[in-house]
Amino acid sequence: MIKTPKESLTVLTDIVLPGETNPLGNLFGGELLARMDRACSIAAQRHSHRIVVTASVNHVAFNKAVPVGSVVSIEAKVSRAFNSSMEVYVDVWIEDRESQERTKVNEGIYTFVAVDHTGMPIKVPAIKPETALEKERFDGALRRKQLSLILSGKMKASEATELKALFV
């Protein structure tokens, strides 16, 4: 079975309350990470129809503070599926109270593994990107995975064909 990224799309929308902010009145980074993890987890579950566990947080960029009172929308969808793992890309947006204009403030890339009821990894469906952005993220996912495997010592740099192709 082949699925599309939009089938896993998850949007969590919430408001930033005073108890979730630092002394500057901005959302705690850890609170934002937890919200992002939940959205990514739901997206991975929707793709795999399985229990999923967070394997890694590969990238998070806190590009702009999220002030108290902000309406925050966290949009996550699977960007690529491997054997039992899935890369999930997440974008964080805030809405202007008056104009309703949306601004992207943060993004992240998470990896989840689908598991059975005993916690053993289980195969997930393949994915076929449709939009230009989905294709860009899909293509980049293999390079990101290879880099992660090299850094963790699980792959030799000479075996990372996708990464090597960038430098030839």
C-alpha atoms as a PDB file:
ATOM      1  CA  MET A   1       0.000   0.000   0.000  1.00  0.00           C
ATOM      2  CA  ILE A   2       1.255   3.483  -0.860  1.00  0.00           C
ATOM      3  CA  LYS A   3      -0.057   6.543   0.955  1.00  0.00           C
ATOM      4  CA  THR A   4       0.338  10.290   0.476  1.00  0.00           C
ATOM      5  CA  PRO A   5       1.670  12.773   3.026  1.00  0.00           C
ATOM      6  CA  LYS A   6      -1.675  14.581   3.194  1.00  0.00           C
ATOM      7  CA  GLU A   7      -3.290  11.420   4.563  1.00  0.00           C
ATOM      8  CA  SER A   8      -1.239  11.873   7.723  1.00  0.00           C
ATOM      9  CA  LEU A   9      -1.767  15.632   8.060  1.00  0.00           C
ATOM     10  CA  THR A  10      -2.358  16.619  11.669  1.00  0.00           C
ATOM     11  CA  VAL A  11      -3.108  20.152  12.829  1.00  0.00           C
ATOM     12  CA  LEU A  12      -3.143  21.023  16.528  1.00  0.00           C
ATOM     13  CA  THR A  13      -4.360  24.541  17.300  1.00  0.00           C
ATOM     14  CA  ASP A  14      -4.214  26.061  20.762  1.00  0.00           C
ATOM     15  CA  ILE A  15      -3.712  29.344  22.585  1.00  0.00           C
ATOM     16  CA  VAL A  16      -0.627  30.206  24.647  1.00  0.00           C
ATOM     17  CA  LEU A  17      -1.607  30.751  28.278  1.00  0.00           C
ATOM     18  CA  PRO A  18       0.383  32.739  30.878  1.00  0.00           C
ATOM     19  CA  GLY A  19       1.345  29.602  32.850  1.00  0.00           C
ATOM     20  CA  GLU A  20       3.110  28.206  29.745  1.00  0.00           C
ATOM     21  CA  THR A  21       5.442  31.156  29.309  1.00  0.00           C
ATOM     22  CA  ASN A  22       8.867  32.261  30.495  1.00  0.00           C
ATOM     23  CA  PRO A  23       9.578  35.564  32.320  1.00  0.00           C
ATOM     24  CA  LEU A  24       9.593  37.368  28.950  1.00  0.00           C
ATOM     25  CA  GLY A  25       6.007  36.253  28.272  1.00  0.00           C
ATOM     26  CA  ASN A  26       6.940  33.784  25.517  1.00  0.00           C
ATOM     27  CA  LEU A  27       6.022  30.108  25.240  1.00  0.00           C
ATOM     28  CA  PHE A  28       8.567  27.819  26.912  1.00  0.00           C
ATOM     29  CA  GLY A  29      10.615  25.917  24.320  1.00  0.00           C
ATOM     30  CA  GLY A  30       9.927  22.640  26.131  1.00  0.00           C
ATOM     31  CA  GLU A  31       6.190  23.250  25.981  1.00  0.00           C
ATOM     32  CA  LEU A  32       6.430  23.857  22.241  1.00  0.00           C
ATOM     33  CA  LEU A  33       8.528  20.689  21.802  1.00  0.00           C
ATOM     34  CA  ALA A  34       5.877  18.647  23.631  1.00  0.00           C
ATOM     35  CA  ARG A  35       3.128  20.013  21.393  1.00  0.00           C
ATOM     36  CA  MET A  36       5.208  19.322  18.290  1.00  0.00           C
ATOM     37  CA  ASP A  37       5.923  15.761  19.478  1.00  0.00           C
ATOM     38  CA  ARG A  38       2.202  15.089  20.010  1.00  0.00           C
ATOM     39  CA  ALA A  39       1.278  16.379  16.538  1.00  0.00           C
ATOM     40  CA  CYS A  40       4.064  14.345  14.913  1.00  0.00           C
ATOM     41  CA  SER A  41       3.032  11.243  16.851  1.00  0.00           C
ATOM     42  CA  ILE A  42      -0.547  11.523  15.593  1.00  0.00           C
ATOM     43  CA  ALA A  43       0.678  12.024  12.001  1.00  0.00           C
ATOM     44  CA  ALA A  44       2.892   8.910  12.262  1.00  0.00           C
ATOM     45  CA  GLN A  45      -0.018   6.907  13.726  1.00  0.00           C
ATOM     46  CA  ARG A  46      -2.296   8.041  10.922  1.00  0.00           C
ATOM     47  CA  HIS A  47       0.254   6.912   8.351  1.00  0.00           C
ATOM     48  CA  SER A  48       1.107   3.563   9.905  1.00  0.00           C
ATOM     49  CA  HIS A  49      -2.113   2.645  11.751  1.00  0.00           C
ATOM     50  CA  ARG A  50       0.212   1.379  14.485  1.00  0.00           C
ATOM     51  CA  ILE A  51       1.579   2.329  17.873  1.00  0.00           C
ATOM     52  CA  VAL A  52       4.471   4.722  17.286  1.00  0.00           C
ATOM     53  CA  VAL A  53       7.368   5.826  19.441  1.00  0.00           C
ATOM     54  CA  THR A  54       9.605   8.851  19.071  1.00  0.00           C
ATOM     55  CA  ALA A  55      13.015   7.649  17.887  1.00  0.00           C
ATOM     56  CA  SER A  56      14.679  11.034  17.546  1.00  0.00           C
ATOM     57  CA  VAL A  57      14.213  14.753  17.238  1.00  0.00           C
ATOM     58  CA  ASN A  58      16.456  15.434  14.270  1.00  0.00           C
ATOM     59  CA  HIS A  59      16.047  19.168  13.954  1.00  0.00           C
ATOM     60  CA  VAL A  60      14.200  21.974  15.685  1.00  0.00           C
ATOM     61  CA  ALA A  61      14.521  25.629  14.792  1.00  0.00           C
ATOM     62  CA  PHE A  62      13.160  28.210  17.210  1.00  0.00           C
ATOM     63  CA  ASN A  63      13.099  31.040  14.689  1.00  0.00           C
ATOM     64  CA  LYS A  64      10.712  33.405  16.437  1.00  0.00           C
ATOM     65  CA  ALA A  65       9.294  33.719  19.943  1.00  0.00           C
ATOM     66  CA  VAL A  66       5.666  32.753  20.523  1.00  0.00           C
ATOM     67  CA  PRO A  67       4.101  35.387  22.821  1.00  0.00           C
ATOM     68  CA  VAL A  68       1.407  34.773  25.417  1.00  0.00           C
ATOM     69  CA  GLY A  69      -2.064  34.958  23.890  1.00  0.00           C
ATOM     70  CA  SER A  70      -0.883  33.695  20.501  1.00  0.00           C
ATOM     71  CA  VAL A  71      -2.995  31.224  18.587  1.00  0.00           C
ATOM     72  CA  VAL A  72      -0.523  28.500  17.608  1.00  0.00           C
ATOM     73  CA  SER A  73      -1.125  25.939  14.853  1.00  0.00           C
ATOM     74  CA  ILE A  74       1.205  22.969  14.643  1.00  0.00           C
ATOM     75  CA  GLU A  75       1.034  21.144  11.297  1.00  0.00           C
ATOM     76  CA  ALA A  76       2.706  17.764  10.966  1.00  0.00           C
ATOM     77  CA  LYS A  77       2.780  15.160   8.230  1.00  0.00           C
ATOM     78  CA  VAL A  78       4.922  12.209   7.283  1.00  0.00           C
ATOM     79  CA  SER A  79       7.562  13.278   4.774  1.00  0.00           C
ATOM     80  CA  ARG A  80       9.047   9.821   4.129  1.00  0.00           C
ATOM     81  CA  ALA A  81       8.543   6.246   5.275  1.00  0.00           C
ATOM     82  CA  PHE A  82      11.362   3.736   5.455  1.00  0.00           C
ATOM     83  CA  ASN A  83      11.059   0.147   6.717  1.00  0.00           C
ATOM     84  CA  SER A  84       9.579   0.701  10.166  1.00  0.00           C
ATOM     85  CA  SER A  85      10.534   4.348  10.643  1.00  0.00           C
ATOM     86  CA  MET A  86       8.907   7.523   9.422  1.00  0.00           C
ATOM     87  CA  GLU A  87      10.280  11.033   9.147  1.00  0.00           C
ATOM     88  CA  VAL A  88       7.687  13.596  10.180  1.00  0.00           C
ATOM     89  CA  TYR A  89       8.104  17.249   9.264  1.00  0.00           C
ATOM     90  CA  VAL A  90       6.365  19.807  11.485  1.00  0.00           C
ATOM     91  CA  ASP A  91       5.711  23.509  10.881  1.00  0.00           C
ATOM     92  CA  VAL A  92       4.602  25.915  13.629  1.00  0.00           C
ATOM     93  CA  TRP A  93       2.482  28.940  12.760  1.00  0.00           C
ATOM     94  CA  ILE A  94       0.998  31.800  14.764  1.00  0.00           C
ATOM     95  CA  GLU A  95      -1.972  33.911  13.731  1.00  0.00           C
ATOM     96  CA  ASP A  96      -2.178  37.672  14.030  1.00  0.00           C
ATOM     97  CA  ARG A  97      -5.175  38.442  16.224  1.00  0.00           C
ATOM     98  CA  GLU A  98      -6.461  41.271  14.044  1.00  0.00           C
ATOM     99  CA  SER A  99      -5.463  40.450  10.459  1.00  0.00           C
ATOM    100  CA  GLN A 100      -5.609  36.636  10.836  1.00  0.00           C
ATOM    101  CA  GLU A 101      -2.336  36.562   8.860  1.00  0.00           C
ATOM    102  CA  ARG A 102      -0.246  33.471   9.596  1.00  0.00           C
ATOM    103  CA  THR A 103       3.492  33.588  10.264  1.00  0.00           C
ATOM    104  CA  LYS A 104       5.739  30.530  10.346  1.00  0.00           C
ATOM    105  CA  VAL A 105       7.724  30.726  13.580  1.00  0.00           C
ATOM    106  CA  ASN A 106       9.312  27.295  14.033  1.00  0.00           C
ATOM    107  CA  GLU A 107       9.842  23.940  12.364  1.00  0.00           C
ATOM    108  CA  GLY A 108      11.157  20.536  13.225  1.00  0.00           C
ATOM    109  CA  ILE A 109      11.897  17.067  11.932  1.00  0.00           C
ATOM    110  CA  TYR A 110      11.093  14.034  14.053  1.00  0.00           C
ATOM    111  CA  THR A 111      11.598  10.316  13.461  1.00  0.00           C
ATOM    112  CA  PHE A 112       9.077   7.768  14.700  1.00  0.00           C
ATOM    113  CA  VAL A 113       9.142   3.986  14.629  1.00  0.00           C
ATOM    114  CA  ALA A 114       5.993   1.904  14.317  1.00  0.00           C
ATOM    115  CA  VAL A 115       5.865  -0.990  16.766  1.00  0.00           C
ATOM    116  CA  ASP A 116       3.623  -3.928  17.517  1.00  0.00           C
ATOM    117  CA  HIS A 117       2.049  -4.564  20.943  1.00  0.00           C
ATOM    118  CA  THR A 118       5.296  -6.097  22.217  1.00  0.00           C
ATOM    119  CA  GLY A 119       7.339  -3.052  21.191  1.00  0.00           C
ATOM    120  CA  MET A 120       9.017  -4.693  18.196  1.00  0.00           C
ATOM    121  CA  PRO A 121       9.412  -2.586  15.025  1.00  0.00           C
ATOM    122  CA  ILE A 122       6.871  -3.296  12.295  1.00  0.00           C
ATOM    123  CA  LYS A 123       6.766  -2.389   8.588  1.00  0.00           C
ATOM    124  CA  VAL A 124       4.987   0.794   7.534  1.00  0.00           C
ATOM    125  CA  PRO A 125       3.375   1.731   4.195  1.00  0.00           C
ATOM    126  CA  ALA A 126       5.425   3.514   1.554  1.00  0.00           C
ATOM    127  CA  ILE A 127       4.707   7.144   0.779  1.00  0.00           C
ATOM    128  CA  LYS A 128       4.292   9.042  -2.486  1.00  0.00           C
ATOM    129  CA  PRO A 129       4.743  12.810  -2.294  1.00  0.00           C
ATOM    130  CA  GLU A 130       2.456  14.962  -4.419  1.00  0.00           C
ATOM    131  CA  THR A 131       3.333  18.646  -4.016  1.00  0.00           C
ATOM    132  CA  ALA A 132       6.691  20.292  -4.768  1.00  0.00           C
ATOM    133  CA  LEU A 133       7.331  20.834  -1.039  1.00  0.00           C
ATOM    134  CA  GLU A 134       6.428  17.215  -0.241  1.00  0.00           C
ATOM    135  CA  LYS A 135       8.834  16.023  -2.959  1.00  0.00           C
ATOM    136  CA  GLU A 136      11.619  18.269  -1.634  1.00  0.00           C
ATOM    137  CA  ARG A 137      11.133  16.977   1.911  1.00  0.00           C
ATOM    138  CA  PHE A 138      10.860  13.371   0.678  1.00  0.00           C
ATOM    139  CA  ASP A 139      14.150  13.638  -1.252  1.00  0.00           C
ATOM    140  CA  GLY A 140      15.930  15.294   1.666  1.00  0.00           C
ATOM    141  CA  ALA A 141      14.756  12.649   4.130  1.00  0.00           C
ATOM    142  CA  LEU A 142      17.100   9.971   2.778  1.00  0.00           C
ATOM    143  CA  ARG A 143      20.082  12.319   3.022  1.00  0.00           C
ATOM    144  CA  ARG A 144      19.108  13.269   6.575  1.00  0.00           C
ATOM    145  CA  LYS A 145      18.765   9.597   7.497  1.00  0.00           C
ATOM    146  CA  GLN A 146      22.156   8.734   6.028  1.00  0.00           C
ATOM    147  CA  LEU A 147      23.798  11.636   7.874  1.00  0.00           C
ATOM    148  CA  SER A 148      22.202  10.524  11.135  1.00  0.00           C
ATOM    149  CA  LEU A 149      23.410   6.943  10.595  1.00  0.00           C
ATOM    150  CA  ILE A 150      26.941   8.149   9.880  1.00  0.00           C
ATOM    151  CA  LEU A 151      27.006  10.368  12.972  1.00  0.00           C
ATOM    152  CA  SER A 152      25.755   7.507  15.161  1.00  0.00           C
ATOM    153  CA  GLY A 153      28.359   5.128  13.738  1.00  0.00           C
ATOM    154  CA  LYS A 154      25.760   2.856  12.137  1.00  0.00           C
ATOM    155  CA  MET A 155      26.859   3.619   8.551  1.00  0.00           C
ATOM    156  CA  LYS A 156      30.203   4.271   6.915  1.00  0.00           C
ATOM    157  CA  ALA A 157      30.470   7.568   5.063  1.00  0.00           C
ATOM    158  CA  SER A 158      31.535   5.653   1.943  1.00  0.00           C
ATOM    159  CA  GLU A 159      28.128   3.902   1.925  1.00  0.00           C
ATOM    160  CA  ALA A 160      26.087   7.137   1.994  1.00  0.00           C
ATOM    161  CA  THR A 161      25.374   7.334  -1.726  1.00  0.00           C
ATOM    162  CA  GLU A 162      22.776  10.122  -1.453  1.00  0.00           C
ATOM    163  CA  LEU A 163      25.096  12.318   0.591  1.00  0.00           C
ATOM    164  CA  LYS A 164      28.077  11.663  -1.665  1.00  0.00           C
ATOM    165  CA  ALA A 165      26.014  12.713  -4.683  1.00  0.00           C
ATOM    166  CA  LEU A 166      25.742  16.220  -3.199  1.00  0.00           C
ATOM    167  CA  PHE A 167      29.503  16.663  -3.364  1.00  0.00           C
ATOM    168  CA  VAL A 168      30.295  15.179  -6.773  1.00  0.00           C
END
